[in-house]
Protein backbone atom coordinates (compact mmCIF):
# COMPACT_ATOMS: atom_id res chain seq x y z
CA UNK A 1 0.00 0.09 -0.08
CA UNK A 2 1.39 3.32 -1.03
CA UNK A 3 1.24 5.05 2.39
CA UNK A 4 3.13 2.47 4.52
CA UNK A 5 6.31 1.57 2.40
CA UNK A 6 8.61 2.91 5.27
CA UNK A 7 6.88 0.89 7.79
CA UNK A 8 7.18 -2.17 5.61
CA UNK A 9 10.79 -1.64 5.37
CA UNK A 10 11.12 -1.16 9.09
CA UNK A 11 9.20 -4.53 9.59
CA UNK A 12 11.62 -6.28 7.33
CA UNK A 13 14.50 -5.00 9.35
CA UNK A 14 12.87 -5.96 12.69
CA UNK A 15 12.07 -9.48 11.43
CA UNK A 16 15.78 -9.89 10.27
CA UNK A 17 17.03 -8.74 13.54
CA UNK A 18 14.74 -11.02 15.52
CA UNK A 19 15.71 -13.97 13.29
CA UNK A 20 19.38 -13.22 13.81
CA UNK A 21 18.89 -12.91 17.55
CA UNK A 22 17.12 -16.19 17.62
CA UNK A 23 13.82 -14.90 18.69
CA UNK A 24 12.07 -15.84 15.40
CA UNK A 25 12.27 -19.02 13.34
CA UNK A 26 13.69 -18.28 9.82
CA UNK A 27 10.91 -17.97 7.27
CA UNK A 28 12.87 -20.43 4.96
CA UNK A 29 12.49 -23.17 7.74
CA UNK A 30 8.81 -22.51 8.15
CA UNK A 31 8.02 -22.49 4.34
CA UNK A 32 9.91 -25.79 4.11
CA UNK A 33 7.57 -27.33 6.60
CA UNK A 34 4.60 -25.85 4.75
CA UNK A 35 5.92 -27.33 1.65
CA UNK A 36 6.36 -30.84 3.37
CA UNK A 37 2.65 -30.73 4.83
CA UNK A 38 0.87 -29.09 2.02
CA UNK A 39 1.02 -29.81 -1.78
CA UNK A 40 0.53 -26.28 -3.20
CA UNK A 41 2.07 -23.02 -4.20
CA UNK A 42 2.61 -20.06 -1.74
CA UNK A 43 1.05 -16.96 -2.94
CA UNK A 44 1.89 -14.50 -0.10
CA UNK A 45 3.38 -14.28 3.33
CA UNK A 46 2.96 -11.39 5.80
CA UNK A 47 4.07 -10.94 9.46
CA UNK A 48 1.07 -10.27 11.65
CA UNK A 49 0.46 -9.71 15.39
CA UNK A 50 -2.47 -11.57 17.15
CA UNK A 51 -4.74 -10.00 19.70
CA UNK A 52 -2.54 -11.50 22.46
CA UNK A 53 0.49 -9.61 20.95
CA UNK A 54 2.30 -12.78 19.56
CA UNK A 55 3.76 -12.53 16.06
CA UNK A 56 2.92 -14.88 13.42
CA UNK A 57 3.35 -15.42 9.77
CA UNK A 58 0.14 -15.43 7.60
CA UNK A 59 0.69 -17.72 4.59
CA UNK A 60 -1.61 -17.97 1.66
CA UNK A 61 -1.41 -20.76 -0.80
CA UNK A 62 -3.24 -22.69 -3.45
CA UNK A 63 -3.12 -26.40 -3.03
CA UNK A 64 -3.13 -29.06 -5.57
CA UNK A 65 -6.89 -29.28 -6.05
CA UNK A 66 -7.01 -25.37 -6.45
CA UNK A 67 -8.35 -24.44 -3.21
CA UNK A 68 -7.08 -21.23 -1.49
CA UNK A 69 -5.77 -22.03 2.04
CA UNK A 70 -4.71 -19.63 4.84
CA UNK A 71 -2.01 -20.96 7.33
CA UNK A 72 -0.74 -19.27 10.41
CA UNK A 73 2.85 -20.12 11.64
CA UNK A 74 3.94 -19.05 14.95
CA UNK A 75 7.06 -16.83 14.57
CA UNK A 76 8.66 -18.07 17.67
CA UNK A 77 7.98 -21.77 17.65
CA UNK A 78 7.30 -22.23 13.90
CA UNK A 79 4.26 -24.28 14.58
CA UNK A 80 1.95 -24.14 11.50
CA UNK A 81 -1.87 -24.50 11.72
CA UNK A 82 -4.56 -24.01 9.15
CA UNK A 83 -6.51 -20.74 10.06
CA UNK A 84 -10.13 -21.24 10.78
CA UNK A 85 -12.62 -19.73 8.19
CA UNK A 86 -14.77 -17.08 9.64
CA UNK A 87 -18.29 -18.36 10.64
CA UNK A 88 -20.71 -17.77 7.76
CA UNK A 89 -23.79 -15.73 8.60
CA UNK A 90 -26.65 -16.85 6.62
CA UNK A 91 -28.13 -13.35 6.85
CA UNK A 92 -25.35 -11.83 4.74
CA UNK A 93 -26.23 -10.59 1.31
CA UNK A 94 -24.83 -12.17 -1.58
CA UNK A 95 -21.34 -11.26 -2.25
CA UNK A 96 -22.12 -10.30 -5.78
CA UNK A 97 -24.64 -7.82 -4.46
CA UNK A 98 -21.85 -6.41 -2.13
CA UNK A 99 -19.37 -6.04 -4.84
CA UNK A 100 -21.77 -4.21 -7.17
CA UNK A 101 -22.20 -1.67 -4.49
CA UNK A 102 -18.44 -1.27 -4.39
CA UNK A 103 -18.08 -1.07 -8.23
CA UNK A 104 -20.65 1.62 -8.33
CA UNK A 105 -18.50 3.76 -6.33
CA UNK A 106 -15.19 2.56 -7.64
CA UNK A 107 -15.58 1.30 -11.32
CA UNK A 108 -12.76 -1.34 -12.06
CA UNK A 109 -12.15 -4.87 -12.03
CA UNK A 110 -12.45 -7.11 -9.00
CA UNK A 111 -9.27 -9.19 -8.92
CA UNK A 112 -9.57 -10.81 -5.45
CA UNK A 113 -12.17 -10.89 -2.64
CA UNK A 114 -11.67 -12.71 0.59
CA UNK A 115 -13.88 -12.99 3.80
CA UNK A 116 -12.21 -12.14 7.17
CA UNK A 117 -13.09 -11.11 10.60
CA UNK A 118 -11.68 -7.71 11.62
CA UNK A 119 -10.20 -6.86 15.04
CA UNK A 120 -13.72 -5.72 16.13
CA UNK A 121 -15.29 -9.13 15.12
CA UNK A 122 -17.01 -7.97 12.07
CA UNK A 123 -17.29 -10.06 9.05
CA UNK A 124 -15.65 -8.02 6.11
CA UNK A 125 -14.47 -8.58 2.65
CA UNK A 126 -10.82 -7.66 1.70
CA UNK A 127 -11.32 -6.61 -2.12
CA UNK A 128 -8.57 -5.86 -4.50
CA UNK A 129 -9.44 -3.96 -7.55
CA UNK A 130 -7.83 -2.83 -10.79
CA UNK A 131 -8.79 0.66 -11.48
CA UNK A 132 -9.30 1.93 -15.06
CA UNK A 133 -5.91 3.81 -14.87
CA UNK A 134 -4.26 0.46 -13.98
CA UNK A 135 -3.59 1.47 -10.42
CA UNK A 136 -4.42 -1.20 -7.73
CA UNK A 137 -6.71 -0.35 -4.85
CA UNK A 138 -7.38 -2.55 -1.77
CA UNK A 139 -10.73 -2.03 0.21
CA UNK A 140 -12.05 -3.37 3.43
CA UNK A 141 -15.93 -3.70 2.92
CA UNK A 142 -18.51 -4.60 5.57
CA UNK A 143 -19.93 -7.96 4.49
CA UNK A 144 -23.43 -6.87 5.75
CA UNK A 145 -23.91 -3.49 4.47
CA UNK A 146 -21.45 -3.17 1.67
CA UNK A 147 -20.04 0.00 3.40
CA UNK A 148 -16.40 0.64 2.63
CA UNK A 149 -14.55 0.69 5.98
CA UNK A 150 -11.14 1.56 4.73
CA UNK A 151 -9.08 1.76 1.71
CA UNK A 152 -5.26 2.06 0.92
CA UNK A 153 -5.57 5.55 -0.25
CA UNK A 154 -6.72 6.65 3.27
CA UNK A 155 -3.44 5.61 4.73
CA UNK A 156 -1.45 8.49 3.16
CA UNK A 157 -4.00 11.09 4.53
CA UNK A 158 -3.82 9.34 7.95
CA UNK A 159 -0.20 9.72 8.28
CA UNK A 160 -0.43 13.52 8.55
CA UNK A 161 -2.50 12.97 11.88
CA UNK A 162 0.36 10.99 13.42
CA UNK A 163 2.91 11.98 16.05
CA UNK A 164 6.41 11.77 14.61
CA UNK A 165 8.45 9.05 15.98
CA UNK A 166 11.20 11.03 17.65
CA UNK A 167 8.35 12.82 19.85
CA UNK A 168 6.77 9.38 20.85
CA UNK A 169 10.18 8.18 21.82
CA UNK A 170 10.95 11.15 23.84
CA UNK A 171 7.62 10.67 25.70
CA UNK A 172 8.28 6.82 26.30
CA UNK A 173 11.80 7.45 27.58
CA UNK A 174 10.51 10.01 30.14
CA UNK A 175 8.31 7.10 31.37
CA UNK A 176 10.64 4.23 30.78
CA UNK A 177 14.33 5.31 31.10
CA UNK A 178 16.67 3.30 29.06
CA UNK A 179 17.84 2.57 25.47
CA UNK A 180 15.39 2.09 22.61
CA UNK A 181 16.33 -1.07 20.77
CA UNK A 182 13.64 -1.22 18.05
CA UNK A 183 10.69 1.16 16.90
CA UNK A 184 8.17 0.56 14.25
CA UNK A 185 5.05 2.15 12.85
CA UNK A 186 2.24 -0.37 12.21
CA UNK A 187 -1.41 -0.22 11.44
CA UNK A 188 -4.28 -2.73 11.75
CA UNK A 189 -7.00 -3.63 9.15
CA UNK A 190 -9.09 -0.73 10.50
CA UNK A 191 -6.62 1.75 9.73
CA UNK A 192 -5.52 2.53 13.32
CA UNK A 193 -1.89 3.41 13.55
CA UNK A 194 0.23 2.41 16.35
CA UNK A 195 4.03 2.30 17.24
CA UNK A 196 5.69 -0.81 18.59
CA UNK A 197 8.86 0.13 20.57
CA UNK A 198 11.25 -2.11 22.42
CA UNK A 199 13.39 -0.56 25.28
CA UNK A 200 16.04 -1.90 27.44
CA UNK A 201 15.59 -0.27 30.81
CA UNK A 202 18.46 0.89 32.84
CA UNK A 203 17.60 -2.05 35.24
CA UNK A 204 18.47 -4.57 32.30
CA UNK A 205 14.80 -5.56 31.76
CA UNK A 206 13.52 -5.20 28.12
CA UNK A 207 10.02 -4.14 27.54
CA UNK A 208 7.75 -4.03 24.43
CA UNK A 209 5.28 -1.27 24.26
CA UNK A 210 2.40 -0.50 21.85
CA UNK A 211 1.64 3.09 21.58
CA UNK A 212 -1.24 5.07 19.99
CA UNK A 213 0.34 6.87 16.92
CA UNK A 214 -2.02 9.90 17.22
CA UNK A 215 -2.00 10.76 20.91
CA UNK A 216 0.92 8.77 22.53
CA UNK A 217 -1.07 6.68 24.75
CA UNK A 218 0.54 3.45 25.91
CA UNK A 219 -1.82 0.70 25.03
CA UNK A 220 0.13 -2.37 26.00
CA UNK A 221 3.33 -3.08 27.98
CA UNK A 222 4.85 -6.52 28.33
CA UNK A 223 8.26 -8.08 29.16
CA UNK A 224 10.31 -9.13 26.06
CA UNK A 225 11.41 -12.69 25.91
């Protein structure tokens, strides 16, 4: 997505550092396990954070029968499980009806649509479009109403509302005196931005913090492994 390239680059650095430090299993090992257990072709791999704060790799593949599967691999242990499909609500309108609402506002060609459950528990469709000018657009659409909840173009505008990283780190080090080891800008599927920061305190303890990127509130603190 156009508005988060710096954060993606930082994410790759954090993953590399975590692998080198032995905190994360190398992705090559995890993909080798996936290849051993599943006959198919990997389409996409992303590093995600669960609600419990644990990191995992989200791996999408097409198996030998043409089915699209989503796997979750724990970034620390490497354990691979097949992700549960979201419960289907029979009251949902047909997906074709939802997509027609989307295309009425954003004329283009639908390349991919996938049902997921967002961080608020809502059923949503992640829709990828090719626009008439050949640009790609990714939308998050409410599966009940067809309302577009977020799109990648909103991220660029959202960045202007955020506190800059130096200011956030100044606030944190006033409360948590020590040395910053890592800092990264992230956002969830609802477009909420937050900083993930790892600090080695003067006491020697290492803490990981999740900080609201708009107002600097500390949302989560936990001891690093």
